[in-house]
Structure formats: structure tokens, C-alpha cells
């Protein structure tokens, strides 16, 4: 049941994006790395969900 109560990786990606500057050109290397890592996790989560359906 803990699975249902935790935030999805996609929801966390939305939080990461909301915290970033509006222009990608203004992102720091650390921000780019954070976005890339979270985006990868969200993509894997979504692919796993599609494959199980």
C-alpha cells in the first residue's frame, strides 16, 4: 500500500520543472543534471506502466 501513497516520478518531474528558470539557457549544469535524472526516472515509470497494461 505504500506504493500508492508515494509520489510518482512524473509528479516529481513536474516539481523539478516548476523550480527551474523559465529559459533552459538559464539553467545551471546542476539543474540540467537534476532535470535529466528525474526525466529518465519518469520515463522509465511511464514505460513500465504501459507495458503492464
PDB file of N, CA and C in Angstrom:
ATOM      1  N   UNK A   1       0.816  -1.189   0.000  1.00  0.00           N
ATOM      2  CA  UNK A   1       0.000   0.000   0.000  1.00  0.00           C
ATOM      3  C   UNK A   1       0.859   1.253   0.000  1.00  0.00           C
ATOM      4  N   UNK A   2       2.095   1.174   0.484  1.00  0.00           N
ATOM      5  CA  UNK A   2       2.994   2.313   0.430  1.00  0.00           C
ATOM      6  C   UNK A   2       3.237   2.788  -0.988  1.00  0.00           C
ATOM      7  N   UNK A   3       3.141   1.856  -1.936  1.00  0.00           N
ATOM      8  CA  UNK A   3       3.320   2.190  -3.348  1.00  0.00           C
ATOM      9  C   UNK A   3       2.332   3.261  -3.782  1.00  0.00           C
ATOM     10  N   UNK A   4       1.095   3.150  -3.343  1.00  0.00           N
ATOM     11  CA  UNK A   4       0.061   4.095  -3.763  1.00  0.00           C
ATOM     12  C   UNK A   4       0.205   5.453  -3.082  1.00  0.00           C
ATOM     13  N   UNK A   5       0.815   5.489  -1.923  1.00  0.00           N
ATOM     14  CA  UNK A   5       0.895   6.746  -1.187  1.00  0.00           C
ATOM     15  C   UNK A   5       2.104   7.595  -1.586  1.00  0.00           C
ATOM     16  N   UNK A   6       3.095   7.008  -2.222  1.00  0.00           N
ATOM     17  CA  UNK A   6       4.270   7.799  -2.595  1.00  0.00           C
ATOM     18  C   UNK A   6       4.004   8.575  -3.884  1.00  0.00           C
ATOM     19  N   UNK A   7       4.716   9.673  -4.036  1.00  0.00           N
ATOM     20  CA  UNK A   7       4.554  10.475  -5.251  1.00  0.00           C
ATOM     21  C   UNK A   7       5.141   9.747  -6.437  1.00  0.00           C
ATOM     22  N   UNK A   8       4.484   9.888  -7.557  1.00  0.00           N
ATOM     23  CA  UNK A   8       5.013   9.264  -8.761  1.00  0.00           C
ATOM     24  C   UNK A   8       6.221  10.065  -9.248  1.00  0.00           C
ATOM     25  N   UNK A   9       7.060   9.397 -10.016  1.00  0.00           N
ATOM     26  CA  UNK A   9       8.231  10.069 -10.585  1.00  0.00           C
ATOM     27  C   UNK A   9       7.788  11.179 -11.540  1.00  0.00           C
ATOM     28  N   UNK A  10       6.660  10.978 -12.196  1.00  0.00           N
ATOM     29  CA  UNK A  10       6.147  12.002 -13.110  1.00  0.00           C
ATOM     30  C   UNK A  10       5.725  13.247 -12.332  1.00  0.00           C
ATOM     31  N   UNK A  11       5.103  13.054 -11.175  1.00  0.00           N
ATOM     32  CA  UNK A  11       4.714  14.191 -10.338  1.00  0.00           C
ATOM     33  C   UNK A  11       5.953  14.918  -9.822  1.00  0.00           C
ATOM     34  N   UNK A  12       6.971  14.146  -9.473  1.00  0.00           N
ATOM     35  CA  UNK A  12       8.221  14.779  -9.016  1.00  0.00           C
ATOM     36  C   UNK A  12       8.881  15.561 -10.144  1.00  0.00           C
ATOM     37  N   UNK A  13       8.775  15.049 -11.373  1.00  0.00           N
ATOM     38  CA  UNK A  13       9.328  15.774 -12.521  1.00  0.00           C
ATOM     39  C   UNK A  13       8.656  17.130 -12.660  1.00  0.00           C
ATOM     40  N   UNK A  14       7.355  17.174 -12.465  1.00  0.00           N
ATOM     41  CA  UNK A  14       6.625  18.440 -12.540  1.00  0.00           C
ATOM     42  C   UNK A  14       7.151  19.434 -11.504  1.00  0.00           C
ATOM     43  N   UNK A  15       7.444  18.959 -10.310  1.00  0.00           N
ATOM     44  CA  UNK A  15       8.007  19.824  -9.271  1.00  0.00           C
ATOM     45  C   UNK A  15       9.383  20.336  -9.664  1.00  0.00           C
ATOM     46  N   UNK A  16      10.201  19.461 -10.241  1.00  0.00           N
ATOM     47  CA  UNK A  16      11.540  19.868 -10.674  1.00  0.00           C
ATOM     48  C   UNK A  16      11.432  20.957 -11.734  1.00  0.00           C
ATOM     49  N   UNK A  17      10.563  20.751 -12.711  1.00  0.00           N
ATOM     50  CA  UNK A  17      10.395  21.715 -13.801  1.00  0.00           C
ATOM     51  C   UNK A  17       9.884  23.047 -13.257  1.00  0.00           C
ATOM     52  N   UNK A  18       8.936  22.998 -12.332  1.00  0.00           N
ATOM     53  CA  UNK A  18       8.389  24.228 -11.756  1.00  0.00           C
ATOM     54  C   UNK A  18       9.452  25.047 -11.034  1.00  0.00           C
ATOM     55  N   UNK A  19      10.464  24.380 -10.487  1.00  0.00           N
ATOM     56  CA  UNK A  19      11.511  25.071  -9.738  1.00  0.00           C
ATOM     57  C   UNK A  19      12.617  25.638 -10.629  1.00  0.00           C
ATOM     58  N   UNK A  20      12.634  25.249 -11.905  1.00  0.00           N
ATOM     59  CA  UNK A  20      13.690  25.693 -12.820  1.00  0.00           C
ATOM     60  C   UNK A  20      13.362  27.058 -13.436  1.00  0.00           C
ATOM     61  N   UNK A  21      14.398  27.796 -13.848  1.00  0.00           N
ATOM     62  CA  UNK A  21      14.158  29.041 -14.582  1.00  0.00           C
ATOM     63  C   UNK A  21      13.371  28.754 -15.866  1.00  0.00           C
ATOM     64  N   UNK A  22      12.616  29.727 -16.312  1.00  0.00           N
ATOM     65  CA  UNK A  22      11.748  29.549 -17.484  1.00  0.00           C
ATOM     66  C   UNK A  22      12.544  29.214 -18.750  1.00  0.00           C
ATOM     67  N   UNK A  23      13.705  29.831 -18.899  1.00  0.00           N
ATOM     68  CA  UNK A  23      14.524  29.588 -20.102  1.00  0.00           C
ATOM     69  C   UNK A  23      15.565  28.523 -19.813  1.00  0.00           C
ATOM     70  N   UNK A  24      15.614  27.505 -20.654  1.00  0.00           N
ATOM     71  CA  UNK A  24      16.594  26.428 -20.488  1.00  0.00           C
ATOM     72  C   UNK A  24      18.012  26.985 -20.513  1.00  0.00           C
ATOM     73  N   UNK A  25      18.233  28.023 -21.287  1.00  0.00           N
ATOM     74  CA  UNK A  25      19.568  28.633 -21.381  1.00  0.00           C
ATOM     75  C   UNK A  25      20.042  29.178 -20.029  1.00  0.00           C
ATOM     76  N   UNK A  26      19.116  29.432 -19.115  1.00  0.00           N
ATOM     77  CA  UNK A  26      19.463  29.961 -17.793  1.00  0.00           C
ATOM     78  C   UNK A  26      19.714  28.868 -16.754  1.00  0.00           C
ATOM     79  N   UNK A  27      19.532  27.600 -17.127  1.00  0.00           N
ATOM     80  CA  UNK A  27      19.744  26.507 -16.183  1.00  0.00           C
ATOM     81  C   UNK A  27      21.229  26.317 -15.931  1.00  0.00           C
ATOM     82  N   UNK A  28      21.561  26.004 -14.696  1.00  0.00           N
ATOM     83  CA  UNK A  28      22.946  25.689 -14.350  1.00  0.00           C
ATOM     84  C   UNK A  28      23.211  24.227 -14.740  1.00  0.00           C
ATOM     85  N   UNK A  29      24.476  23.837 -14.829  1.00  0.00           N
ATOM     86  CA  UNK A  29      24.770  22.424 -15.113  1.00  0.00           C
ATOM     87  C   UNK A  29      24.132  21.482 -14.084  1.00  0.00           C
ATOM     88  N   UNK A  30      24.093  21.880 -12.828  1.00  0.00           N
ATOM     89  CA  UNK A  30      23.469  21.044 -11.796  1.00  0.00           C
ATOM     90  C   UNK A  30      21.964  20.915 -12.034  1.00  0.00           C
ATOM     91  N   UNK A  31      21.325  22.004 -12.443  1.00  0.00           N
ATOM     92  CA  UNK A  31      19.892  21.958 -12.733  1.00  0.00           C
ATOM     93  C   UNK A  31      19.606  21.080 -13.942  1.00  0.00           C
ATOM     94  N   UNK A  32      20.460  21.165 -14.953  1.00  0.00           N
ATOM     95  CA  UNK A  32      20.294  20.305 -16.133  1.00  0.00           C
ATOM     96  C   UNK A  32      20.419  18.841 -15.743  1.00  0.00           C
ATOM     97  N   UNK A  33      21.377  18.525 -14.899  1.00  0.00           N
ATOM     98  CA  UNK A  33      21.578  17.148 -14.452  1.00  0.00           C
ATOM     99  C   UNK A  33      20.382  16.666 -13.631  1.00  0.00           C
ATOM    100  N   UNK A  34      19.866  17.526 -12.768  1.00  0.00           N
ATOM    101  CA  UNK A  34      18.701  17.168 -11.960  1.00  0.00           C
ATOM    102  C   UNK A  34      17.491  16.894 -12.856  1.00  0.00           C
ATOM    103  N   UNK A  35      17.275  17.748 -13.839  1.00  0.00           N
ATOM    104  CA  UNK A  35      16.159  17.563 -14.766  1.00  0.00           C
ATOM    105  C   UNK A  35      16.325  16.259 -15.553  1.00  0.00           C
ATOM    106  N   UNK A  36      17.516  16.015 -16.061  1.00  0.00           N
ATOM    107  CA  UNK A  36      17.759  14.820 -16.869  1.00  0.00           C
ATOM    108  C   UNK A  36      17.530  13.554 -16.049  1.00  0.00           C
ATOM    109  N   UNK A  37      18.020  13.526 -14.824  1.00  0.00           N
ATOM    110  CA  UNK A  37      17.860  12.349 -13.979  1.00  0.00           C
ATOM    111  C   UNK A  37      16.389  12.096 -13.661  1.00  0.00           C
ATOM    112  N   UNK A  38      15.660  13.156 -13.298  1.00  0.00           N
ATOM    113  CA  UNK A  38      14.252  12.977 -12.955  1.00  0.00           C
ATOM    114  C   UNK A  38      13.428  12.619 -14.188  1.00  0.00           C
ATOM    115  N   UNK A  39      13.764  13.203 -15.321  1.00  0.00           N
ATOM    116  CA  UNK A  39      13.068  12.893 -16.560  1.00  0.00           C
ATOM    117  C   UNK A  39      13.249  11.422 -16.924  1.00  0.00           C
ATOM    118  N   UNK A  40      14.460  10.909 -16.755  1.00  0.00           N
ATOM    119  CA  UNK A  40      14.729   9.494 -17.036  1.00  0.00           C
ATOM    120  C   UNK A  40      13.914   8.586 -16.119  1.00  0.00           C
ATOM    121  N   UNK A  41      13.842   8.940 -14.821  1.00  0.00           N
ATOM    122  CA  UNK A  41      13.062   8.127 -13.887  1.00  0.00           C
ATOM    123  C   UNK A  41      11.581   8.138 -14.259  1.00  0.00           C
ATOM    124  N   UNK A  42      11.060   9.300 -14.622  1.00  0.00           N
ATOM    125  CA  UNK A  42       9.647   9.406 -15.001  1.00  0.00           C
ATOM    126  C   UNK A  42       9.373   8.608 -16.276  1.00  0.00           C
ATOM    127  N   UNK A  43      10.287   8.656 -17.225  1.00  0.00           N
ATOM    128  CA  UNK A  43      10.099   7.917 -18.469  1.00  0.00           C
ATOM    129  C   UNK A  43      10.076   6.403 -18.194  1.00  0.00           C
ATOM    130  N   UNK A  44      10.992   5.931 -17.355  1.00  0.00           N
ATOM    131  CA  UNK A  44      11.011   4.506 -17.010  1.00  0.00           C
ATOM    132  C   UNK A  44       9.704   4.110 -16.311  1.00  0.00           C
ATOM    133  N   UNK A  45       9.246   4.967 -15.412  1.00  0.00           N
ATOM    134  CA  UNK A  45       7.995   4.687 -14.708  1.00  0.00           C
ATOM    135  C   UNK A  45       6.827   4.587 -15.704  1.00  0.00           C
ATOM    136  N   UNK A  46       6.752   5.520 -16.625  1.00  0.00           N
ATOM    137  CA  UNK A  46       5.665   5.509 -17.591  1.00  0.00           C
ATOM    138  C   UNK A  46       5.754   4.305 -18.522  1.00  0.00           C
ATOM    139  N   UNK A  47       6.956   3.922 -18.916  1.00  0.00           N
ATOM    140  CA  UNK A  47       7.124   2.752 -19.788  1.00  0.00           C
ATOM    141  C   UNK A  47       6.719   1.470 -19.062  1.00  0.00           C
ATOM    142  N   UNK A  48       7.040   1.354 -17.780  1.00  0.00           N
ATOM    143  CA  UNK A  48       6.661   0.188 -17.006  1.00  0.00           C
ATOM    144  C   UNK A  48       5.140   0.117 -16.894  1.00  0.00           C
ATOM    145  N   UNK A  49       4.491   1.247 -16.718  1.00  0.00           N
ATOM    146  CA  UNK A  49       3.039   1.285 -16.598  1.00  0.00           C
ATOM    147  C   UNK A  49       2.390   0.853 -17.907  1.00  0.00           C
ATOM    148  N   UNK A  50       2.900   1.316 -19.029  1.00  0.00           N
ATOM    149  CA  UNK A  50       2.340   0.956 -20.338  1.00  0.00           C
ATOM    150  C   UNK A  50       2.516  -0.530 -20.619  1.00  0.00           C
ATOM    151  N   UNK A  51       3.674  -1.076 -20.251  1.00  0.00           N
ATOM    152  CA  UNK A  51       3.942  -2.477 -20.534  1.00  0.00           C
ATOM    153  C   UNK A  51       3.079  -3.398 -19.682  1.00  0.00           C
ATOM    154  N   UNK A  52       2.698  -2.960 -18.511  1.00  0.00           N
ATOM    155  CA  UNK A  52       1.894  -3.815 -17.631  1.00  0.00           C
ATOM    156  C   UNK A  52       0.420  -3.789 -18.008  1.00  0.00           C
ATOM    157  N   UNK A  53       0.000  -2.847 -18.826  1.00  0.00           N
ATOM    158  CA  UNK A  53      -1.417  -2.768 -19.231  1.00  0.00           C
ATOM    159  C   UNK A  53      -1.695  -3.657 -20.403  1.00  0.00           C
TER     160      UNK A  53
END
